[in-house]
PDB file of N, CA and C in Angstrom:
ATOM      1  N   UNK A   1      -1.329 -13.085 -39.526  1.00  0.00           N
ATOM      2  CA  UNK A   1      -1.809 -13.093 -40.352  1.00  0.00           C
ATOM      3  C   UNK A   1      -3.673 -12.889 -39.517  1.00  0.00           C
ATOM      4  N   UNK A   2      -4.275 -12.071 -40.349  1.00  0.00           N
ATOM      5  CA  UNK A   2      -5.515 -11.323 -40.109  1.00  0.00           C
ATOM      6  C   UNK A   2      -6.580 -12.458 -40.210  1.00  0.00           C
ATOM      7  N   UNK A   3      -8.056 -12.279 -39.214  1.00  0.00           N
ATOM      8  CA  UNK A   3      -8.964 -12.985 -39.519  1.00  0.00           C
ATOM      9  C   UNK A   3      -9.114 -12.955 -41.193  1.00  0.00           C
ATOM     10  N   UNK A   4      -9.315 -11.682 -41.695  1.00  0.00           N
ATOM     11  CA  UNK A   4      -9.832 -12.340 -43.091  1.00  0.00           C
ATOM     12  C   UNK A   4      -8.598 -13.104 -44.046  1.00  0.00           C
ATOM     13  N   UNK A   5      -7.396 -13.107 -43.738  1.00  0.00           N
ATOM     14  CA  UNK A   5      -6.597 -13.718 -44.540  1.00  0.00           C
ATOM     15  C   UNK A   5      -6.699 -15.473 -44.161  1.00  0.00           C
ATOM     16  N   UNK A   6      -6.856 -15.404 -42.941  1.00  0.00           N
ATOM     17  CA  UNK A   6      -7.181 -16.715 -42.582  1.00  0.00           C
ATOM     18  C   UNK A   6      -8.610 -17.199 -42.933  1.00  0.00           C
ATOM     19  N   UNK A   7      -9.684 -16.357 -43.320  1.00  0.00           N
ATOM     20  CA  UNK A   7     -10.692 -17.117 -43.631  1.00  0.00           C
ATOM     21  C   UNK A   7     -10.053 -17.383 -45.483  1.00  0.00           C
ATOM     22  N   UNK A   8      -9.463 -16.665 -45.895  1.00  0.00           N
ATOM     23  CA  UNK A   8      -9.392 -16.835 -47.367  1.00  0.00           C
ATOM     24  C   UNK A   8      -8.532 -18.098 -47.565  1.00  0.00           C
ATOM     25  N   UNK A   9      -7.433 -18.360 -46.620  1.00  0.00           N
ATOM     26  CA  UNK A   9      -6.052 -19.280 -46.569  1.00  0.00           C
ATOM     27  C   UNK A   9      -7.567 -20.582 -46.611  1.00  0.00           C
ATOM     28  N   UNK A  10      -8.195 -21.145 -45.459  1.00  0.00           N
ATOM     29  CA  UNK A  10      -9.227 -22.144 -45.148  1.00  0.00           C
ATOM     30  C   UNK A  10     -10.625 -22.000 -46.408  1.00  0.00           C
ATOM     31  N   UNK A  11     -10.537 -21.100 -46.783  1.00  0.00           N
ATOM     32  CA  UNK A  11     -11.635 -21.110 -48.114  1.00  0.00           C
ATOM     33  C   UNK A  11     -13.084 -20.762 -46.879  1.00  0.00           C
ATOM     34  N   UNK A  12     -13.621 -20.101 -46.097  1.00  0.00           N
ATOM     35  CA  UNK A  12     -14.736 -19.808 -45.348  1.00  0.00           C
ATOM     36  C   UNK A  12     -14.771 -18.290 -45.677  1.00  0.00           C
ATOM     37  N   UNK A  13     -15.689 -17.716 -45.545  1.00  0.00           N
ATOM     38  CA  UNK A  13     -16.336 -16.225 -45.574  1.00  0.00           C
ATOM     39  C   UNK A  13     -15.696 -15.914 -44.101  1.00  0.00           C
ATOM     40  N   UNK A  14     -15.385 -14.337 -44.117  1.00  0.00           N
ATOM     41  CA  UNK A  14     -14.596 -13.746 -43.369  1.00  0.00           C
ATOM     42  C   UNK A  14     -15.543 -13.287 -42.286  1.00  0.00           C
ATOM     43  N   UNK A  15     -16.948 -13.438 -42.303  1.00  0.00           N
ATOM     44  CA  UNK A  15     -18.315 -13.431 -41.354  1.00  0.00           C
ATOM     45  C   UNK A  15     -18.249 -15.001 -40.528  1.00  0.00           C
ATOM     46  N   UNK A  16     -17.993 -15.496 -41.280  1.00  0.00           N
ATOM     47  CA  UNK A  16     -18.096 -16.803 -40.289  1.00  0.00           C
ATOM     48  C   UNK A  16     -16.799 -17.322 -39.444  1.00  0.00           C
ATOM     49  N   UNK A  17     -15.276 -16.039 -39.572  1.00  0.00           N
ATOM     50  CA  UNK A  17     -14.520 -16.755 -38.496  1.00  0.00           C
ATOM     51  C   UNK A  17     -14.913 -15.149 -37.584  1.00  0.00           C
ATOM     52  N   UNK A  18     -15.326 -14.044 -38.758  1.00  0.00           N
ATOM     53  CA  UNK A  18     -15.972 -13.051 -37.402  1.00  0.00           C
ATOM     54  C   UNK A  18     -16.882 -13.209 -36.646  1.00  0.00           C
ATOM     55  N   UNK A  19     -17.551 -14.384 -36.651  1.00  0.00           N
ATOM     56  CA  UNK A  19     -18.862 -14.844 -35.620  1.00  0.00           C
ATOM     57  C   UNK A  19     -17.915 -15.885 -34.589  1.00  0.00           C
ATOM     58  N   UNK A  20     -17.295 -16.454 -35.341  1.00  0.00           N
ATOM     59  CA  UNK A  20     -16.928 -17.717 -34.344  1.00  0.00           C
ATOM     60  C   UNK A  20     -15.571 -16.426 -32.775  1.00  0.00           C
ATOM     61  N   UNK A  21     -15.083 -15.656 -33.414  1.00  0.00           N
ATOM     62  CA  UNK A  21     -14.136 -15.142 -32.851  1.00  0.00           C
ATOM     63  C   UNK A  21     -14.696 -13.998 -31.732  1.00  0.00           C
ATOM     64  N   UNK A  22     -15.916 -13.447 -32.384  1.00  0.00           N
ATOM     65  CA  UNK A  22     -17.298 -12.824 -31.561  1.00  0.00           C
ATOM     66  C   UNK A  22     -17.707 -13.406 -30.872  1.00  0.00           C
ATOM     67  N   UNK A  23     -17.731 -14.952 -30.639  1.00  0.00           N
ATOM     68  CA  UNK A  23     -18.597 -15.772 -29.574  1.00  0.00           C
ATOM     69  C   UNK A  23     -20.166 -16.288 -30.106  1.00  0.00           C
ATOM     70  N   UNK A  24     -20.076 -15.810 -31.547  1.00  0.00           N
ATOM     71  CA  UNK A  24     -21.601 -15.577 -31.642  1.00  0.00           C
ATOM     72  C   UNK A  24     -22.104 -17.196 -32.289  1.00  0.00           C
ATOM     73  N   UNK A  25     -21.133 -17.880 -32.894  1.00  0.00           N
ATOM     74  CA  UNK A  25     -20.947 -18.932 -33.054  1.00  0.00           C
ATOM     75  C   UNK A  25     -19.826 -19.941 -32.848  1.00  0.00           C
ATOM     76  N   UNK A  26     -20.039 -21.264 -32.599  1.00  0.00           N
ATOM     77  CA  UNK A  26     -18.852 -22.268 -32.290  1.00  0.00           C
ATOM     78  C   UNK A  26     -18.575 -22.475 -33.606  1.00  0.00           C
ATOM     79  N   UNK A  27     -17.458 -22.800 -33.930  1.00  0.00           N
ATOM     80  CA  UNK A  27     -16.843 -23.816 -35.146  1.00  0.00           C
ATOM     81  C   UNK A  27     -17.688 -25.347 -35.382  1.00  0.00           C
ATOM     82  N   UNK A  28     -17.536 -25.296 -36.983  1.00  0.00           N
ATOM     83  CA  UNK A  28     -17.947 -26.548 -37.041  1.00  0.00           C
ATOM     84  C   UNK A  28     -17.110 -27.723 -37.121  1.00  0.00           C
ATOM     85  N   UNK A  29     -17.047 -29.246 -37.277  1.00  0.00           N
ATOM     86  CA  UNK A  29     -16.551 -29.770 -37.665  1.00  0.00           C
ATOM     87  C   UNK A  29     -15.715 -29.413 -38.983  1.00  0.00           C
ATOM     88  N   UNK A  30     -16.561 -28.510 -39.732  1.00  0.00           N
ATOM     89  CA  UNK A  30     -16.121 -28.850 -41.638  1.00  0.00           C
ATOM     90  C   UNK A  30     -15.015 -27.693 -41.292  1.00  0.00           C
ATOM     91  N   UNK A  31     -15.059 -26.783 -40.517  1.00  0.00           N
ATOM     92  CA  UNK A  31     -14.433 -25.717 -40.227  1.00  0.00           C
ATOM     93  C   UNK A  31     -13.015 -26.339 -39.639  1.00  0.00           C
ATOM     94  N   UNK A  32     -13.159 -26.975 -38.647  1.00  0.00           N
ATOM     95  CA  UNK A  32     -11.891 -27.941 -38.352  1.00  0.00           C
ATOM     96  C   UNK A  32     -11.024 -28.495 -39.349  1.00  0.00           C
ATOM     97  N   UNK A  33     -11.859 -29.431 -39.938  1.00  0.00           N
ATOM     98  CA  UNK A  33     -11.320 -29.833 -41.210  1.00  0.00           C
ATOM     99  C   UNK A  33     -10.432 -29.502 -42.414  1.00  0.00           C
ATOM    100  N   UNK A  34     -11.283 -27.948 -42.587  1.00  0.00           N
ATOM    101  CA  UNK A  34     -10.825 -27.008 -43.315  1.00  0.00           C
ATOM    102  C   UNK A  34      -9.113 -26.755 -42.979  1.00  0.00           C
ATOM    103  N   UNK A  35      -9.380 -26.101 -41.643  1.00  0.00           N
ATOM    104  CA  UNK A  35      -7.784 -25.680 -40.740  1.00  0.00           C
ATOM    105  C   UNK A  35      -7.023 -27.040 -40.951  1.00  0.00           C
ATOM    106  N   UNK A  36      -7.330 -27.930 -40.720  1.00  0.00           N
ATOM    107  CA  UNK A  36      -6.422 -28.863 -40.538  1.00  0.00           C
ATOM    108  C   UNK A  36      -5.575 -29.344 -41.987  1.00  0.00           C
ATOM    109  N   UNK A  37      -6.483 -29.436 -42.891  1.00  0.00           N
ATOM    110  CA  UNK A  37      -6.215 -29.660 -44.236  1.00  0.00           C
ATOM    111  C   UNK A  37      -5.167 -28.788 -45.015  1.00  0.00           C
ATOM    112  N   UNK A  38      -5.470 -27.389 -44.837  1.00  0.00           N
ATOM    113  CA  UNK A  38      -4.705 -26.174 -45.081  1.00  0.00           C
ATOM    114  C   UNK A  38      -3.235 -26.502 -43.884  1.00  0.00           C
ATOM    115  N   UNK A  39      -3.847 -26.227 -42.890  1.00  0.00           N
ATOM    116  CA  UNK A  39      -2.366 -26.054 -42.052  1.00  0.00           C
ATOM    117  C   UNK A  39      -1.963 -27.656 -41.663  1.00  0.00           C
ATOM    118  N   UNK A  40      -1.479 -28.644 -42.315  1.00  0.00           N
ATOM    119  CA  UNK A  40      -0.958 -29.518 -41.606  1.00  0.00           C
ATOM    120  C   UNK A  40      -0.238 -29.979 -40.901  1.00  0.00           C
ATOM    121  N   UNK A  41       0.555 -28.865 -40.523  1.00  0.00           N
ATOM    122  CA  UNK A  41       1.315 -29.030 -39.369  1.00  0.00           C
ATOM    123  C   UNK A  41       0.646 -28.261 -37.906  1.00  0.00           C
ATOM    124  N   UNK A  42      -0.282 -28.446 -38.042  1.00  0.00           N
ATOM    125  CA  UNK A  42      -1.445 -28.205 -36.705  1.00  0.00           C
ATOM    126  C   UNK A  42      -1.757 -29.301 -36.377  1.00  0.00           C
ATOM    127  N   UNK A  43      -1.523 -29.528 -34.708  1.00  0.00           N
ATOM    128  CA  UNK A  43      -1.789 -30.867 -34.022  1.00  0.00           C
ATOM    129  C   UNK A  43      -3.248 -30.909 -33.830  1.00  0.00           C
ATOM    130  N   UNK A  44      -3.733 -31.342 -34.185  1.00  0.00           N
ATOM    131  CA  UNK A  44      -5.568 -31.792 -33.879  1.00  0.00           C
ATOM    132  C   UNK A  44      -5.745 -32.012 -32.509  1.00  0.00           C
ATOM    133  N   UNK A  45      -5.114 -32.274 -31.448  1.00  0.00           N
ATOM    134  CA  UNK A  45      -5.486 -32.733 -30.224  1.00  0.00           C
ATOM    135  C   UNK A  45      -5.482 -30.889 -29.686  1.00  0.00           C
ATOM    136  N   UNK A  46      -4.194 -30.224 -29.982  1.00  0.00           N
ATOM    137  CA  UNK A  46      -4.158 -29.073 -29.496  1.00  0.00           C
ATOM    138  C   UNK A  46      -5.497 -27.987 -29.927  1.00  0.00           C
ATOM    139  N   UNK A  47      -5.878 -28.410 -31.609  1.00  0.00           N
ATOM    140  CA  UNK A  47      -6.699 -27.720 -31.863  1.00  0.00           C
ATOM    141  C   UNK A  47      -8.350 -28.098 -31.238  1.00  0.00           C
ATOM    142  N   UNK A  48      -8.234 -29.310 -30.816  1.00  0.00           N
ATOM    143  CA  UNK A  48      -9.592 -29.453 -30.763  1.00  0.00           C
ATOM    144  C   UNK A  48     -10.099 -29.293 -29.441  1.00  0.00           C
ATOM    145  N   UNK A  49      -9.048 -29.571 -28.451  1.00  0.00           N
ATOM    146  CA  UNK A  49      -8.900 -30.158 -26.955  1.00  0.00           C
ATOM    147  C   UNK A  49      -7.899 -28.816 -26.322  1.00  0.00           C
ATOM    148  N   UNK A  50      -7.376 -28.011 -27.303  1.00  0.00           N
ATOM    149  CA  UNK A  50      -6.303 -27.497 -26.433  1.00  0.00           C
ATOM    150  C   UNK A  50      -5.325 -28.032 -25.205  1.00  0.00           C
ATOM    151  N   UNK A  51      -4.746 -29.069 -25.785  1.00  0.00           N
ATOM    152  CA  UNK A  51      -4.219 -29.839 -25.012  1.00  0.00           C
ATOM    153  C   UNK A  51      -2.863 -30.349 -26.277  1.00  0.00           C
ATOM    154  N   UNK A  52      -1.325 -30.505 -25.487  1.00  0.00           N
ATOM    155  CA  UNK A  52      -0.479 -30.532 -26.286  1.00  0.00           C
ATOM    156  C   UNK A  52       0.363 -29.732 -27.150  1.00  0.00           C
ATOM    157  N   UNK A  53       0.973 -29.703 -27.824  1.00  0.00           N
ATOM    158  CA  UNK A  53       1.703 -28.846 -28.444  1.00  0.00           C
ATOM    159  C   UNK A  53       1.027 -28.087 -29.670  1.00  0.00           C
ATOM    160  N   UNK A  54       0.922 -26.688 -30.069  1.00  0.00           N
ATOM    161  CA  UNK A  54       0.318 -26.346 -31.282  1.00  0.00           C
ATOM    162  C   UNK A  54       0.644 -27.063 -32.101  1.00  0.00           C
ATOM    163  N   UNK A  55       2.041 -27.736 -32.857  1.00  0.00           N
ATOM    164  CA  UNK A  55       2.317 -28.275 -33.677  1.00  0.00           C
ATOM    165  C   UNK A  55       2.719 -29.816 -33.811  1.00  0.00           C
ATOM    166  N   UNK A  56       2.429 -30.377 -34.449  1.00  0.00           N
ATOM    167  CA  UNK A  56       2.949 -31.761 -34.851  1.00  0.00           C
ATOM    168  C   UNK A  56       4.379 -31.994 -34.233  1.00  0.00           C
ATOM    169  N   UNK A  57       5.113 -32.794 -34.076  1.00  0.00           N
ATOM    170  CA  UNK A  57       6.285 -33.055 -33.725  1.00  0.00           C
ATOM    171  C   UNK A  57       6.804 -32.922 -35.223  1.00  0.00           C
ATOM    172  N   UNK A  58       6.650 -33.438 -35.885  1.00  0.00           N
ATOM    173  CA  UNK A  58       7.390 -33.662 -37.422  1.00  0.00           C
ATOM    174  C   UNK A  58       7.421 -32.193 -38.011  1.00  0.00           C
ATOM    175  N   UNK A  59       6.549 -31.184 -37.644  1.00  0.00           N
ATOM    176  CA  UNK A  59       6.549 -29.748 -37.632  1.00  0.00           C
ATOM    177  C   UNK A  59       7.764 -29.201 -37.128  1.00  0.00           C
ATOM    178  N   UNK A  60       7.288 -29.451 -35.683  1.00  0.00           N
ATOM    179  CA  UNK A  60       8.433 -28.814 -34.885  1.00  0.00           C
ATOM    180  C   UNK A  60       9.899 -29.450 -35.415  1.00  0.00           C
ATOM    181  N   UNK A  61      10.116 -30.475 -35.964  1.00  0.00           N
ATOM    182  CA  UNK A  61      11.482 -31.474 -36.062  1.00  0.00           C
ATOM    183  C   UNK A  61      11.985 -30.513 -37.109  1.00  0.00           C
ATOM    184  N   UNK A  62      10.938 -30.508 -38.104  1.00  0.00           N
ATOM    185  CA  UNK A  62      11.134 -29.606 -40.188  1.00  0.00           C
ATOM    186  C   UNK A  62      11.628 -27.790 -39.325  1.00  0.00           C
ATOM    187  N   UNK A  63      10.932 -27.347 -38.927  1.00  0.00           N
ATOM    188  CA  UNK A  63      11.059 -25.936 -38.359  1.00  0.00           C
ATOM    189  C   UNK A  63      12.221 -25.739 -37.518  1.00  0.00           C
ATOM    190  N   UNK A  64      12.258 -26.850 -37.120  1.00  0.00           N
ATOM    191  CA  UNK A  64      13.706 -26.283 -36.083  1.00  0.00           C
ATOM    192  C   UNK A  64      14.916 -26.786 -35.877  1.00  0.00           C
ATOM    193  N   UNK A  65      14.778 -28.205 -36.553  1.00  0.00           N
ATOM    194  CA  UNK A  65      15.904 -28.836 -36.487  1.00  0.00           C
ATOM    195  C   UNK A  65      16.344 -29.797 -37.740  1.00  0.00           C
ATOM    196  N   UNK A  66      15.451 -29.335 -38.956  1.00  0.00           N
ATOM    197  CA  UNK A  66      15.940 -29.770 -39.871  1.00  0.00           C
ATOM    198  C   UNK A  66      15.547 -31.371 -40.167  1.00  0.00           C
ATOM    199  N   UNK A  67      16.611 -32.012 -40.606  1.00  0.00           N
ATOM    200  CA  UNK A  67      16.523 -33.635 -40.520  1.00  0.00           C
ATOM    201  C   UNK A  67      16.637 -34.183 -39.370  1.00  0.00           C
ATOM    202  N   UNK A  68      16.978 -33.436 -37.972  1.00  0.00           N
ATOM    203  CA  UNK A  68      17.453 -34.044 -36.607  1.00  0.00           C
ATOM    204  C   UNK A  68      16.031 -35.016 -36.434  1.00  0.00           C
ATOM    205  N   UNK A  69      16.748 -35.908 -35.203  1.00  0.00           N
ATOM    206  CA  UNK A  69      15.362 -36.465 -34.428  1.00  0.00           C
ATOM    207  C   UNK A  69      14.951 -35.805 -33.492  1.00  0.00           C
ATOM    208  N   UNK A  70      13.901 -35.803 -33.402  1.00  0.00           N
ATOM    209  CA  UNK A  70      13.128 -35.050 -32.333  1.00  0.00           C
ATOM    210  C   UNK A  70      13.384 -35.435 -30.796  1.00  0.00           C
ATOM    211  N   UNK A  71      13.319 -34.593 -29.760  1.00  0.00           N
ATOM    212  CA  UNK A  71      13.732 -35.278 -28.777  1.00  0.00           C
ATOM    213  C   UNK A  71      12.572 -36.451 -27.881  1.00  0.00           C
ATOM    214  N   UNK A  72      13.120 -37.298 -27.375  1.00  0.00           N
ATOM    215  CA  UNK A  72      12.269 -38.360 -26.782  1.00  0.00           C
ATOM    216  C   UNK A  72      11.637 -37.832 -25.769  1.00  0.00           C
ATOM    217  N   UNK A  73      10.149 -36.901 -25.581  1.00  0.00           N
ATOM    218  CA  UNK A  73       9.790 -36.152 -24.084  1.00  0.00           C
ATOM    219  C   UNK A  73       8.398 -36.690 -24.155  1.00  0.00           C
ATOM    220  N   UNK A  74       8.094 -36.371 -23.104  1.00  0.00           N
ATOM    221  CA  UNK A  74       6.503 -36.947 -22.692  1.00  0.00           C
ATOM    222  C   UNK A  74       5.666 -36.176 -23.049  1.00  0.00           C
ATOM    223  N   UNK A  75       4.331 -36.738 -23.180  1.00  0.00           N
ATOM    224  CA  UNK A  75       3.494 -36.105 -24.094  1.00  0.00           C
ATOM    225  C   UNK A  75       3.049 -34.511 -23.377  1.00  0.00           C
ATOM    226  N   UNK A  76       3.233 -34.863 -21.793  1.00  0.00           N
ATOM    227  CA  UNK A  76       2.498 -34.009 -21.246  1.00  0.00           C
ATOM    228  C   UNK A  76       3.421 -33.263 -20.237  1.00  0.00           C
ATOM    229  N   UNK A  77       5.218 -32.735 -21.039  1.00  0.00           N
ATOM    230  CA  UNK A  77       6.077 -32.440 -20.216  1.00  0.00           C
ATOM    231  C   UNK A  77       6.201 -31.033 -20.427  1.00  0.00           C
ATOM    232  N   UNK A  78       5.109 -30.272 -20.048  1.00  0.00           N
ATOM    233  CA  UNK A  78       5.327 -29.005 -20.072  1.00  0.00           C
ATOM    234  C   UNK A  78       5.808 -28.174 -18.707  1.00  0.00           C
ATOM    235  N   UNK A  79       6.128 -28.809 -17.591  1.00  0.00           N
ATOM    236  CA  UNK A  79       6.816 -28.414 -16.352  1.00  0.00           C
ATOM    237  C   UNK A  79       8.364 -29.165 -16.424  1.00  0.00           C
ATOM    238  N   UNK A  80       9.475 -28.716 -16.872  1.00  0.00           N
ATOM    239  CA  UNK A  80      10.709 -28.899 -17.053  1.00  0.00           C
ATOM    240  C   UNK A  80      10.881 -30.349 -15.549  1.00  0.00           C
ATOM    241  N   UNK A  81      10.388 -29.754 -14.414  1.00  0.00           N
ATOM    242  CA  UNK A  81      10.931 -30.835 -12.901  1.00  0.00           C
ATOM    243  C   UNK A  81       9.962 -32.099 -13.595  1.00  0.00           C
ATOM    244  N   UNK A  82       8.737 -32.277 -14.260  1.00  0.00           N
ATOM    245  CA  UNK A  82       8.376 -33.628 -14.338  1.00  0.00           C
ATOM    246  C   UNK A  82       8.463 -34.379 -15.768  1.00  0.00           C
ATOM    247  N   UNK A  83       9.881 -33.834 -16.204  1.00  0.00           N
ATOM    248  CA  UNK A  83      10.670 -34.775 -17.557  1.00  0.00           C
ATOM    249  C   UNK A  83      11.371 -35.816 -16.780  1.00  0.00           C
ATOM    250  N   UNK A  84      11.447 -36.858 -17.182  1.00  0.00           N
ATOM    251  CA  UNK A  84      11.946 -37.721 -16.506  1.00  0.00           C
ATOM    252  C   UNK A  84      13.735 -37.571 -16.132  1.00  0.00           C
ATOM    253  N   UNK A  85      14.084 -38.221 -15.524  1.00  0.00           N
ATOM    254  CA  UNK A  85      15.208 -37.580 -14.837  1.00  0.00           C
ATOM    255  C   UNK A  85      16.433 -39.405 -15.632  1.00  0.00           C
ATOM    256  N   UNK A  86      17.589 -38.896 -15.959  1.00  0.00           N
ATOM    257  CA  UNK A  86      18.778 -39.561 -16.344  1.00  0.00           C
ATOM    258  C   UNK A  86      19.052 -40.522 -15.325  1.00  0.00           C
ATOM    259  N   UNK A  87      19.202 -41.989 -15.520  1.00  0.00           N
ATOM    260  CA  UNK A  87      19.462 -42.868 -14.320  1.00  0.00           C
ATOM    261  C   UNK A  87      21.209 -42.590 -14.359  1.00  0.00           C
ATOM    262  N   UNK A  88      21.564 -42.621 -13.235  1.00  0.00           N
ATOM    263  CA  UNK A  88      23.136 -42.263 -12.916  1.00  0.00           C
ATOM    264  C   UNK A  88      23.548 -43.476 -13.365  1.00  0.00           C
ATOM    265  N   UNK A  89      25.170 -42.811 -14.326  1.00  0.00           N
ATOM    266  CA  UNK A  89      25.477 -44.395 -14.940  1.00  0.00           C
ATOM    267  C   UNK A  89      26.491 -44.638 -13.501  1.00  0.00           C
ATOM    268  N   UNK A  90      26.794 -45.773 -14.351  1.00  0.00           N
ATOM    269  CA  UNK A  90      27.162 -46.322 -13.182  1.00  0.00           C
ATOM    270  C   UNK A  90      29.234 -46.869 -13.327  1.00  0.00           C
ATOM    271  N   UNK A  91      29.301 -45.380 -13.244  1.00  0.00           N
ATOM    272  CA  UNK A  91      31.196 -45.300 -13.710  1.00  0.00           C
ATOM    273  C   UNK A  91      31.864 -44.608 -12.173  1.00  0.00           C
ATOM    274  N   UNK A  92      32.588 -44.548 -11.961  1.00  0.00           N
ATOM    275  CA  UNK A  92      33.461 -43.734 -11.143  1.00  0.00           C
ATOM    276  C   UNK A  92      32.758 -42.392 -11.075  1.00  0.00           C
ATOM    277  N   UNK A  93      32.889 -41.349  -9.696  1.00  0.00           N
ATOM    278  CA  UNK A  93      32.796 -40.473  -9.823  1.00  0.00           C
ATOM    279  C   UNK A  93      33.409 -39.425 -10.508  1.00  0.00           C
ATOM    280  N   UNK A  94      34.679 -39.460 -10.160  1.00  0.00           N
ATOM    281  CA  UNK A  94      35.604 -39.115 -10.756  1.00  0.00           C
ATOM    282  C   UNK A  94      35.607 -38.919 -12.513  1.00  0.00           C
ATOM    283  N   UNK A  95      35.035 -39.926 -13.221  1.00  0.00           N
ATOM    284  CA  UNK A  95      35.147 -39.883 -14.302  1.00  0.00           C
ATOM    285  C   UNK A  95      33.536 -39.263 -14.902  1.00  0.00           C
ATOM    286  N   UNK A  96      32.319 -39.314 -14.391  1.00  0.00           N
ATOM    287  CA  UNK A  96      31.614 -38.948 -14.605  1.00  0.00           C
ATOM    288  C   UNK A  96      31.414 -37.808 -15.072  1.00  0.00           C
ATOM    289  N   UNK A  97      30.968 -37.143 -16.569  1.00  0.00           N
ATOM    290  CA  UNK A  97      30.686 -35.871 -17.122  1.00  0.00           C
ATOM    291  C   UNK A  97      29.200 -35.555 -16.993  1.00  0.00           C
ATOM    292  N   UNK A  98      29.148 -34.394 -16.592  1.00  0.00           N
ATOM    293  CA  UNK A  98      27.787 -33.922 -16.950  1.00  0.00           C
ATOM    294  C   UNK A  98      27.151 -33.690 -18.875  1.00  0.00           C
ATOM    295  N   UNK A  99      25.923 -34.420 -18.664  1.00  0.00           N
ATOM    296  CA  UNK A  99      25.599 -35.055 -20.105  1.00  0.00           C
ATOM    297  C   UNK A  99      25.033 -33.396 -20.645  1.00  0.00           C
ATOM    298  N   UNK A 100      25.442 -33.418 -21.832  1.00  0.00           N
ATOM    299  CA  UNK A 100      25.458 -32.165 -22.797  1.00  0.00           C
ATOM    300  C   UNK A 100      23.784 -31.427 -22.110  1.00  0.00           C
ATOM    301  N   UNK A 101      23.592 -30.667 -22.226  1.00  0.00           N
ATOM    302  CA  UNK A 101      22.043 -30.326 -22.307  1.00  0.00           C
ATOM    303  C   UNK A 101      21.241 -29.894 -23.792  1.00  0.00           C
ATOM    304  N   UNK A 102      19.991 -30.205 -23.339  1.00  0.00           N
ATOM    305  CA  UNK A 102      19.317 -30.696 -24.595  1.00  0.00           C
ATOM    306  C   UNK A 102      17.944 -29.471 -24.731  1.00  0.00           C
ATOM    307  N   UNK A 103      17.553 -28.785 -25.834  1.00  0.00           N
ATOM    308  CA  UNK A 103      16.482 -28.037 -25.731  1.00  0.00           C
ATOM    309  C   UNK A 103      15.086 -28.935 -25.755  1.00  0.00           C
ATOM    310  N   UNK A 104      14.339 -28.605 -24.549  1.00  0.00           N
ATOM    311  CA  UNK A 104      13.338 -29.009 -24.302  1.00  0.00           C
ATOM    312  C   UNK A 104      11.893 -28.250 -25.012  1.00  0.00           C
ATOM    313  N   UNK A 105      12.248 -27.586 -24.898  1.00  0.00           N
ATOM    314  CA  UNK A 105      11.089 -26.275 -25.661  1.00  0.00           C
ATOM    315  C   UNK A 105      11.192 -25.501 -25.888  1.00  0.00           C
ATOM    316  N   UNK A 106      10.795 -24.388 -26.967  1.00  0.00           N
ATOM    317  CA  UNK A 106      11.000 -22.800 -26.899  1.00  0.00           C
ATOM    318  C   UNK A 106       9.656 -22.225 -27.313  1.00  0.00           C
ATOM    319  N   UNK A 107       9.803 -21.349 -26.793  1.00  0.00           N
ATOM    320  CA  UNK A 107       8.130 -20.438 -26.611  1.00  0.00           C
ATOM    321  C   UNK A 107       8.495 -19.085 -27.325  1.00  0.00           C
ATOM    322  N   UNK A 108       7.899 -18.815 -28.341  1.00  0.00           N
ATOM    323  CA  UNK A 108       8.143 -17.644 -29.030  1.00  0.00           C
ATOM    324  C   UNK A 108       7.130 -16.728 -28.236  1.00  0.00           C
ATOM    325  N   UNK A 109       7.006 -15.337 -27.765  1.00  0.00           N
ATOM    326  CA  UNK A 109       6.420 -14.534 -27.451  1.00  0.00           C
ATOM    327  C   UNK A 109       5.966 -13.406 -28.362  1.00  0.00           C
ATOM    328  N   UNK A 110       4.882 -13.033 -29.121  1.00  0.00           N
ATOM    329  CA  UNK A 110       4.805 -11.775 -29.778  1.00  0.00           C
ATOM    330  C   UNK A 110       3.851 -10.788 -29.194  1.00  0.00           C
ATOM    331  N   UNK A 111       4.345  -9.662 -29.820  1.00  0.00           N
ATOM    332  CA  UNK A 111       3.856  -8.296 -29.006  1.00  0.00           C
ATOM    333  C   UNK A 111       2.634  -7.975 -29.508  1.00  0.00           C
ATOM    334  N   UNK A 112       1.571  -8.781 -29.885  1.00  0.00           N
ATOM    335  CA  UNK A 112       0.185  -9.090 -29.415  1.00  0.00           C
ATOM    336  C   UNK A 112      -0.239  -9.442 -28.909  1.00  0.00           C
ATOM    337  N   UNK A 113       0.376 -10.090 -28.003  1.00  0.00           N
ATOM    338  CA  UNK A 113       0.037 -11.452 -26.890  1.00  0.00           C
ATOM    339  C   UNK A 113       0.036 -12.560 -27.152  1.00  0.00           C
ATOM    340  N   UNK A 114      -0.047 -12.650 -28.389  1.00  0.00           N
ATOM    341  CA  UNK A 114      -0.141 -14.732 -28.365  1.00  0.00           C
ATOM    342  C   UNK A 114       1.958 -15.172 -28.471  1.00  0.00           C
ATOM    343  N   UNK A 115       1.543 -16.191 -28.363  1.00  0.00           N
ATOM    344  CA  UNK A 115       2.666 -17.292 -28.505  1.00  0.00           C
ATOM    345  C   UNK A 115       2.971 -18.284 -29.295  1.00  0.00           C
ATOM    346  N   UNK A 116       3.775 -18.748 -29.697  1.00  0.00           N
ATOM    347  CA  UNK A 116       4.108 -20.431 -30.233  1.00  0.00           C
ATOM    348  C   UNK A 116       4.729 -20.908 -29.551  1.00  0.00           C
ATOM    349  N   UNK A 117       4.525 -22.496 -29.359  1.00  0.00           N
ATOM    350  CA  UNK A 117       4.890 -23.145 -28.549  1.00  0.00           C
ATOM    351  C   UNK A 117       5.777 -24.610 -29.646  1.00  0.00           C
ATOM    352  N   UNK A 118       6.794 -24.697 -29.420  1.00  0.00           N
ATOM    353  CA  UNK A 118       7.656 -25.449 -30.519  1.00  0.00           C
ATOM    354  C   UNK A 118       8.597 -26.550 -29.859  1.00  0.00           C
TER     355      UNK A 118
END
């Protein structure tokens, strides 16, 4: 989406977006509200603070898995080594099976240098 298309989507002038992207102005609270009202799947914490994932867990769930329940991951599990390790099962070693692997994070990189994390 271009800056002009984005401005039309949220109902502000293209000049407003241009000034923000050019560093001449900072986004107003009203602009954040317009973005969050138009793009309901955007995570407000990501938009305002730059932390967490770009989309809310409900958006990730719908976009990636349909009606499946999302994974229970810690909020700041960006590094797979920080993710909690399952407790070993209390069964004989011979009968243990490897737990099925689950998708923890998907990153889509675009040719324009942007990316989305889901």
